[in-house]
């Protein structure tokens, strides 16, 4: 096996997860975070990275090849194989995977387990390519949003075939969602948690305007060209488009486009009061409001008509449920739910988790009837077209 030391650190760790594990053990802690790995790893070669820490190159390559070969032998130990694929929300990817891998080390499966769960910041194009080019659907799949799950060219095409089954055993979700009917009535899709969209208000930029307390007030015309939307966060932005369309039709999408000022990453948004071009309001995942510093002019508003939610789905294949049941149970467990809720501010559906969200806070959920009655993938494209056309005017 040949390892190209001139290749970037990112490419090497993408091709070989063993390289990432070995490099982290040698002090490259920034490789634990997929986003940092992409930024840092794309700008440096494996050769220069090793030189920077005075690591013997030949010894590293020898150890890496040995680990790759060892894993290959382990992965092909059994006749049957199980595959897990998906993306995890960035704030919880590291703690969730660390807990999962610790749990895995204590299991004794009688099948080969192959898993690839990347941070959401890495995008989903790699998953789309895999689903289009592979006849084998993953045995267990996790991701947030609507696009992948209901696109009839991707996972959506299998819904009518009843390929999936909710095997978590959770029949009644957390009481925080008792009035929203998040449970799939067809018993196919599992939900692990939700990503709520909230307002972050820069009070210094209100210029005499009142703080908007609802989506309706936000889109009243008072904040046109003065709101930052999470366009780069496809899952959350698609949830905004779909729910605004459901509630207000094409007119609502045009209003959403008119309030748009600038697209920023949420970590930039919480510090936007330091920048020259400042939005008065930022729509962001609830998690990033943790980054607001005391004494800053930024104020969190949970919309009184509800935080629009992007669901975190899990799909489990029916024909391999006997094998994957323990794994599905892990991701649907109280422990995993507390990582989502307490470390990621992404409320869990597990009924045993205290989501630490005030009971008066409401949610806006697209609803299974709406999903069933519409081609969600086509509707997302339609809403995007209306949004972009409005911006060009």
Protein backbone atom coordinates (compact mmCIF):
# COMPACT_ATOMS: atom_id res chain seq x y z
CA UNK A 1 0.00 0.00 0.00
CA UNK A 2 1.35 3.41 -0.98
CA UNK A 3 0.74 6.54 1.11
CA UNK A 4 1.46 9.80 -0.73
CA UNK A 5 3.17 12.03 1.83
CA UNK A 6 2.80 15.01 -0.54
CA UNK A 7 -1.00 14.72 -0.36
CA UNK A 8 -2.87 17.06 1.98
CA UNK A 9 -3.57 16.09 5.54
CA UNK A 10 -7.29 16.41 4.80
CA UNK A 11 -7.21 14.04 1.82
CA UNK A 12 -5.15 11.47 3.72
CA UNK A 13 -7.56 11.51 6.69
CA UNK A 14 -10.55 11.32 4.35
CA UNK A 15 -9.15 8.24 2.63
CA UNK A 16 -7.94 6.54 5.80
CA UNK A 17 -9.69 7.07 9.14
CA UNK A 18 -6.73 5.24 10.67
CA UNK A 19 -4.52 8.21 9.67
CA UNK A 20 -6.76 10.56 11.59
CA UNK A 21 -6.70 8.34 14.70
CA UNK A 22 -2.92 7.99 14.56
CA UNK A 23 -2.32 11.71 14.02
CA UNK A 24 -4.64 12.65 16.91
CA UNK A 25 -2.69 10.26 19.15
CA UNK A 26 0.48 12.12 18.10
CA UNK A 27 -0.86 15.53 19.17
CA UNK A 28 -2.89 16.81 16.20
CA UNK A 29 -5.93 17.59 18.36
CA UNK A 30 -7.48 19.95 15.79
CA UNK A 31 -8.20 16.90 13.60
CA UNK A 32 -10.88 15.82 16.08
CA UNK A 33 -13.20 18.51 14.68
CA UNK A 34 -14.19 17.82 11.05
CA UNK A 35 -14.50 21.50 10.22
CA UNK A 36 -11.05 22.34 11.59
CA UNK A 37 -9.67 19.23 9.90
CA UNK A 38 -10.95 20.50 6.58
CA UNK A 39 -9.62 24.05 7.08
CA UNK A 40 -6.27 23.14 8.62
CA UNK A 41 -5.76 19.87 6.76
CA UNK A 42 -6.40 21.31 3.30
CA UNK A 43 -3.54 23.79 3.65
CA UNK A 44 -0.75 21.44 4.71
CA UNK A 45 0.72 18.23 3.34
CA UNK A 46 1.14 15.12 5.44
CA UNK A 47 4.90 15.48 5.00
CA UNK A 48 5.01 19.04 6.36
CA UNK A 49 2.58 18.25 9.17
CA UNK A 50 4.84 15.44 10.40
CA UNK A 51 7.91 17.66 10.06
CA UNK A 52 6.21 20.36 12.15
CA UNK A 53 6.08 17.97 15.10
CA UNK A 54 9.39 16.25 14.29
CA UNK A 55 7.69 12.89 13.78
CA UNK A 56 9.70 10.22 11.99
CA UNK A 57 8.07 9.87 8.59
CA UNK A 58 9.06 6.28 7.84
CA UNK A 59 7.92 5.09 11.25
CA UNK A 60 4.59 6.91 10.87
CA UNK A 61 3.93 5.35 7.43
CA UNK A 62 4.82 1.88 8.75
CA UNK A 63 2.42 2.29 11.71
CA UNK A 64 -0.32 3.67 9.45
CA UNK A 65 -0.10 0.81 6.94
CA UNK A 66 -0.16 -1.71 9.79
CA UNK A 67 -3.29 -0.11 11.25
CA UNK A 68 -5.03 -0.05 7.85
CA UNK A 69 -4.23 -3.72 7.22
CA UNK A 70 -5.28 -4.66 10.74
CA UNK A 71 -8.65 -2.92 10.31
CA UNK A 72 -9.18 -4.55 6.93
CA UNK A 73 -8.71 -7.97 8.51
CA UNK A 74 -11.08 -7.04 11.36
CA UNK A 75 -13.72 -5.65 8.99
CA UNK A 76 -13.77 -8.86 6.98
CA UNK A 77 -13.79 -11.16 9.98
CA UNK A 78 -17.44 -12.15 9.54
CA UNK A 79 -19.63 -13.15 6.63
CA UNK A 80 -22.24 -10.42 7.22
CA UNK A 81 -21.63 -6.66 7.28
CA UNK A 82 -23.59 -3.68 8.58
CA UNK A 83 -23.09 -0.14 7.28
CA UNK A 84 -23.89 3.12 9.06
CA UNK A 85 -23.76 6.40 7.14
CA UNK A 86 -24.75 9.99 7.77
CA UNK A 87 -23.89 13.39 9.15
CA UNK A 88 -24.11 14.63 12.72
CA UNK A 89 -24.70 18.24 13.83
CA UNK A 90 -21.30 19.89 14.27
CA UNK A 91 -21.66 20.90 17.95
CA UNK A 92 -22.27 17.30 19.06
CA UNK A 93 -20.29 15.29 16.53
CA UNK A 94 -17.15 14.86 18.66
CA UNK A 95 -18.80 13.98 22.02
CA UNK A 96 -21.37 11.74 20.34
CA UNK A 97 -18.74 9.83 18.35
CA UNK A 98 -16.45 9.49 21.37
CA UNK A 99 -19.32 8.02 23.37
CA UNK A 100 -20.39 5.80 20.47
CA UNK A 101 -16.88 4.42 19.92
CA UNK A 102 -16.46 3.74 23.64
CA UNK A 103 -19.78 1.87 23.58
CA UNK A 104 -18.68 -0.04 20.46
CA UNK A 105 -15.50 -1.21 22.20
CA UNK A 106 -17.69 -2.95 24.78
CA UNK A 107 -19.84 -4.78 22.21
CA UNK A 108 -19.28 -8.21 20.70
CA UNK A 109 -21.10 -8.21 17.33
CA UNK A 110 -21.12 -11.24 15.06
CA UNK A 111 -20.90 -9.08 11.93
CA UNK A 112 -18.52 -6.56 10.36
CA UNK A 113 -19.46 -2.97 11.23
CA UNK A 114 -18.51 -0.17 8.83
CA UNK A 115 -19.51 3.36 9.78
CA UNK A 116 -18.93 6.84 8.42
CA UNK A 117 -20.56 9.66 10.34
CA UNK A 118 -19.17 13.06 9.40
CA UNK A 119 -19.86 16.55 10.72
CA UNK A 120 -22.66 18.40 8.95
CA UNK A 121 -20.16 21.11 7.97
CA UNK A 122 -18.63 18.61 5.54
CA UNK A 123 -21.80 18.80 3.45
CA UNK A 124 -23.93 15.97 2.06
CA UNK A 125 -22.74 15.76 -1.55
CA UNK A 126 -20.64 12.71 -0.67
CA UNK A 127 -23.79 11.00 0.63
CA UNK A 128 -25.81 11.93 -2.45
CA UNK A 129 -23.08 10.50 -4.70
CA UNK A 130 -22.96 7.35 -2.61
CA UNK A 131 -26.73 6.86 -2.70
CA UNK A 132 -26.93 7.48 -6.45
CA UNK A 133 -24.01 5.21 -7.29
CA UNK A 134 -24.68 2.38 -4.88
CA UNK A 135 -27.33 -0.30 -5.06
CA UNK A 136 -26.91 -0.96 -1.35
CA UNK A 137 -28.71 1.43 1.00
CA UNK A 138 -27.02 1.93 4.41
CA UNK A 139 -28.46 -0.23 7.16
CA UNK A 140 -28.69 2.82 9.41
CA UNK A 141 -28.70 6.44 8.28
CA UNK A 142 -28.64 9.66 10.36
CA UNK A 143 -28.95 13.27 9.22
CA UNK A 144 -30.85 16.48 9.87
CA UNK A 145 -33.23 18.17 7.48
CA UNK A 146 -35.67 17.12 4.78
CA UNK A 147 -33.83 17.00 1.46
CA UNK A 148 -32.09 13.62 1.61
CA UNK A 149 -34.95 11.83 3.30
CA UNK A 150 -37.76 12.79 0.96
CA UNK A 151 -35.95 13.25 -2.37
CA UNK A 152 -37.46 10.61 -4.66
CA UNK A 153 -34.08 10.17 -6.35
CA UNK A 154 -32.39 9.44 -3.02
CA UNK A 155 -33.79 7.97 0.21
CA UNK A 156 -37.33 9.13 -0.51
CA UNK A 157 -37.76 6.55 -3.25
CA UNK A 158 -37.61 3.76 -0.67
CA UNK A 159 -40.43 5.09 1.53
CA UNK A 160 -43.15 3.54 -0.63
CA UNK A 161 -41.26 0.25 -0.53
CA UNK A 162 -41.41 0.15 3.30
CA UNK A 163 -37.67 -0.46 3.38
CA UNK A 164 -37.30 1.28 6.74
CA UNK A 165 -38.80 0.72 10.16
CA UNK A 166 -38.69 2.71 13.38
CA UNK A 167 -37.11 0.15 15.70
CA UNK A 168 -36.28 2.48 18.60
CA UNK A 169 -39.27 1.33 20.63
CA UNK A 170 -40.08 4.95 21.55
CA UNK A 171 -43.80 5.31 20.94
CA UNK A 172 -44.38 8.57 22.78
CA UNK A 173 -41.83 11.34 22.33
CA UNK A 174 -40.64 13.77 24.98
CA UNK A 175 -43.49 15.75 26.58
CA UNK A 176 -41.95 18.96 25.18
CA UNK A 177 -43.42 17.84 21.83
CA UNK A 178 -46.73 16.40 23.03
CA UNK A 179 -48.82 18.72 20.87
CA UNK A 180 -46.78 18.43 17.65
CA UNK A 181 -47.16 14.79 16.59
CA UNK A 182 -43.51 14.33 15.59
CA UNK A 183 -43.87 10.53 15.52
CA UNK A 184 -44.06 9.09 11.99
CA UNK A 185 -47.59 7.61 11.69
CA UNK A 186 -46.30 5.09 9.14
CA UNK A 187 -43.74 3.77 11.65
CA UNK A 188 -40.84 4.09 9.17
CA UNK A 189 -38.85 7.16 10.18
CA UNK A 190 -37.30 7.63 13.63
CA UNK A 191 -36.54 11.08 14.98
CA UNK A 192 -33.67 11.63 17.42
CA UNK A 193 -34.06 15.33 18.11
CA UNK A 194 -34.60 18.73 16.54
CA UNK A 195 -32.61 21.83 15.61
CA UNK A 196 -34.66 24.95 16.53
CA UNK A 197 -34.26 28.25 14.65
CA UNK A 198 -34.37 31.34 16.88
CA UNK A 199 -33.78 35.11 16.57
CA UNK A 200 -30.63 36.80 17.79
CA UNK A 201 -31.30 40.54 18.04
CA UNK A 202 -28.58 43.21 17.93
CA UNK A 203 -30.25 45.90 20.03
CA UNK A 204 -27.73 48.51 18.85
CA UNK A 205 -29.06 48.10 15.29
CA UNK A 206 -32.78 48.36 16.04
CA UNK A 207 -32.75 52.14 15.50
CA UNK A 208 -36.00 52.73 17.35
CA UNK A 209 -37.72 49.58 16.16
CA UNK A 210 -39.26 47.14 18.62
CA UNK A 211 -37.71 43.71 19.04
CA UNK A 212 -39.69 41.31 16.84
CA UNK A 213 -41.32 38.57 18.88
CA UNK A 214 -42.68 36.40 16.05
CA UNK A 215 -42.04 35.38 12.45
CA UNK A 216 -44.94 37.57 11.39
CA UNK A 217 -43.43 40.63 13.06
CA UNK A 218 -40.02 39.80 11.58
CA UNK A 219 -41.46 39.77 8.05
CA UNK A 220 -43.77 42.77 8.53
CA UNK A 221 -41.58 44.99 6.32
CA UNK A 222 -39.87 46.80 9.18
CA UNK A 223 -36.71 44.67 8.91
CA UNK A 224 -36.32 44.45 5.13
CA UNK A 225 -32.67 44.06 4.09
CA UNK A 226 -31.69 43.84 7.75
CA UNK A 227 -31.84 40.13 8.68
CA UNK A 228 -29.12 37.50 8.35
CA UNK A 229 -30.44 34.08 7.26
CA UNK A 230 -28.60 30.71 7.61
CA UNK A 231 -28.34 30.07 3.86
CA UNK A 232 -25.15 28.03 4.19
CA UNK A 233 -26.88 25.77 6.73
CA UNK A 234 -28.92 23.91 4.11
CA UNK A 235 -30.91 21.80 6.56
CA UNK A 236 -32.11 24.75 8.62
CA UNK A 237 -32.61 27.05 5.64
CA UNK A 238 -34.71 24.41 3.85
CA UNK A 239 -36.78 24.05 7.03
CA UNK A 240 -37.35 27.83 7.01
CA UNK A 241 -38.39 27.82 3.35
CA UNK A 242 -40.77 24.87 3.72
CA UNK A 243 -42.46 26.11 6.88
CA UNK A 244 -42.80 29.70 5.69
CA UNK A 245 -44.30 28.38 2.44
CA UNK A 246 -46.73 26.16 4.33
CA UNK A 247 -47.86 29.03 6.55
CA UNK A 248 -47.75 31.97 4.12
CA UNK A 249 -47.37 30.57 0.60
CA UNK A 250 -45.26 32.18 -2.14
CA UNK A 251 -45.94 35.60 -0.63
CA UNK A 252 -44.18 34.46 2.56
CA UNK A 253 -41.09 33.31 0.64
CA UNK A 254 -40.88 36.72 -1.06
CA UNK A 255 -41.10 38.43 2.33
CA UNK A 256 -38.33 36.16 3.62
CA UNK A 257 -36.14 37.17 0.68
CA UNK A 258 -36.81 40.86 1.24
CA UNK A 259 -35.66 40.77 4.87
CA UNK A 260 -32.40 39.03 3.89
CA UNK A 261 -29.26 41.10 4.37
CA UNK A 262 -26.28 38.80 4.55
CA UNK A 263 -25.37 35.18 5.02
CA UNK A 264 -22.99 34.57 7.90
CA UNK A 265 -21.90 31.47 9.77
CA UNK A 266 -23.61 31.47 13.19
CA UNK A 267 -20.24 31.84 14.96
CA UNK A 268 -19.82 35.12 13.04
CA UNK A 269 -23.37 36.22 13.74
CA UNK A 270 -22.99 36.28 17.52
CA UNK A 271 -20.07 38.70 17.06
CA UNK A 272 -21.72 40.70 14.28
CA UNK A 273 -21.99 43.76 16.53
CA UNK A 274 -18.19 44.08 16.05
CA UNK A 275 -18.49 44.30 12.24
CA UNK A 276 -19.28 47.30 10.04
CA UNK A 277 -22.09 45.64 8.12
CA UNK A 278 -24.41 44.60 10.91
CA UNK A 279 -27.78 42.84 10.60
CA UNK A 280 -30.34 43.83 13.21
CA UNK A 281 -31.63 40.25 13.45
CA UNK A 282 -29.95 36.91 12.84
CA UNK A 283 -31.80 33.63 12.38
CA UNK A 284 -29.66 30.84 13.78
CA UNK A 285 -29.67 27.41 15.43
CA UNK A 286 -30.39 27.69 19.14
CA UNK A 287 -26.95 26.19 19.93
CA UNK A 288 -24.98 29.23 18.77
CA UNK A 289 -26.72 31.53 21.23
CA UNK A 290 -24.40 29.95 23.84
CA UNK A 291 -21.62 32.00 22.29
CA UNK A 292 -23.23 35.33 23.17
CA UNK A 293 -21.11 37.11 25.76
CA UNK A 294 -22.52 38.86 28.78
CA UNK A 295 -22.69 42.60 28.26
CA UNK A 296 -22.99 42.35 24.47
CA UNK A 297 -25.95 44.03 22.72
CA UNK A 298 -27.13 40.63 21.44
CA UNK A 299 -30.41 39.26 22.82
CA UNK A 300 -32.00 35.86 22.21
CA UNK A 301 -35.66 35.79 21.16
CA UNK A 302 -37.53 32.49 20.99
CA UNK A 303 -40.38 33.33 18.56
CA UNK A 304 -43.70 33.36 20.40
CA UNK A 305 -45.35 31.58 17.47
CA UNK A 306 -42.65 28.90 17.68
CA UNK A 307 -39.09 28.08 16.69
CA UNK A 308 -39.07 26.53 13.21
CA UNK A 309 -37.44 23.12 13.52
CA UNK A 310 -35.21 20.99 11.35
CA UNK A 311 -35.65 17.35 12.46
CA UNK A 312 -32.73 14.98 13.06
CA UNK A 313 -33.92 11.74 11.45
CA UNK A 314 -32.65 8.19 11.73
CA UNK A 315 -33.56 5.49 9.21
CA UNK A 316 -33.15 1.81 10.05
CA UNK A 317 -33.50 -0.92 7.44
CA UNK A 318 -36.21 -3.41 8.24
CA UNK A 319 -34.43 -6.47 6.88
CA UNK A 320 -31.34 -5.99 9.10
CA UNK A 321 -33.15 -4.79 12.22
CA UNK A 322 -32.07 -7.79 14.29
CA UNK A 323 -28.45 -6.75 13.79
CA UNK A 324 -28.77 -2.98 14.02
CA UNK A 325 -31.30 -2.81 16.88
CA UNK A 326 -28.61 -2.26 19.58
CA UNK A 327 -27.02 0.50 17.48
CA UNK A 328 -30.37 2.22 16.85
CA UNK A 329 -31.07 1.94 20.59
CA UNK A 330 -27.75 3.66 21.34
CA UNK A 331 -28.53 6.71 19.17
CA UNK A 332 -32.10 6.89 20.52
CA UNK A 333 -30.98 6.43 24.14
CA UNK A 334 -31.21 8.86 27.04
CA UNK A 335 -27.41 9.20 27.05
CA UNK A 336 -27.19 10.16 23.36
CA UNK A 337 -30.25 12.39 23.82
CA UNK A 338 -28.55 14.28 26.64
CA UNK A 339 -25.52 14.91 24.42
CA UNK A 340 -27.84 16.38 21.77
CA UNK A 341 -29.82 18.42 24.26
CA UNK A 342 -27.28 19.50 26.87
CA UNK A 343 -24.18 19.92 24.70
CA UNK A 344 -25.85 20.92 21.44
CA UNK A 345 -29.05 22.70 22.57
CA UNK A 346 -30.87 20.35 20.20
CA UNK A 347 -33.86 19.05 22.17
CA UNK A 348 -34.10 15.25 22.22
CA UNK A 349 -37.31 13.31 21.60
CA UNK A 350 -36.29 10.72 24.20
CA UNK A 351 -38.96 10.94 26.94
CA UNK A 352 -36.37 10.53 29.73
CA UNK A 353 -34.32 13.59 28.73
CA UNK A 354 -34.77 16.94 30.43
CA UNK A 355 -34.28 19.28 27.47
CA UNK A 356 -33.97 22.29 29.80
CA UNK A 357 -36.25 24.32 27.54
CA UNK A 358 -38.96 26.49 29.16
CA UNK A 359 -42.32 24.74 28.78
CA UNK A 360 -43.90 27.87 27.29
CA UNK A 361 -41.52 27.80 24.33
CA UNK A 362 -43.31 26.64 21.18
CA UNK A 363 -42.17 24.93 17.98
CA UNK A 364 -43.23 25.01 14.34
CA UNK A 365 -43.12 21.55 12.74
CA UNK A 366 -43.86 20.92 9.05
CA UNK A 367 -46.06 17.92 9.86
CA UNK A 368 -46.36 14.44 8.37
CA UNK A 369 -49.56 15.26 6.47
CA UNK A 370 -47.83 18.10 4.63
CA UNK A 371 -44.83 15.87 3.89
CA UNK A 372 -47.12 13.17 2.53
CA UNK A 373 -49.14 15.56 0.37
CA UNK A 374 -46.14 17.31 -1.23
CA UNK A 375 -43.02 16.41 -3.19
CA UNK A 376 -40.66 17.94 -0.62
CA UNK A 377 -37.59 17.97 -2.86
CA UNK A 378 -39.45 19.75 -5.67
CA UNK A 379 -41.01 22.16 -3.19
CA UNK A 380 -37.59 23.10 -1.79
CA UNK A 381 -36.42 23.89 -5.35
CA UNK A 382 -39.57 25.91 -6.02
CA UNK A 383 -39.08 27.93 -2.83
CA UNK A 384 -35.38 28.49 -3.61
CA UNK A 385 -36.31 29.79 -7.08
CA UNK A 386 -38.90 32.21 -5.65
CA UNK A 387 -36.40 33.37 -3.02
CA UNK A 388 -33.60 33.94 -5.56
CA UNK A 389 -35.87 35.66 -8.09
CA UNK A 390 -37.02 38.07 -5.38
CA UNK A 391 -33.39 38.85 -4.48
CA UNK A 392 -32.60 39.74 -8.10
CA UNK A 393 -35.36 42.31 -8.36
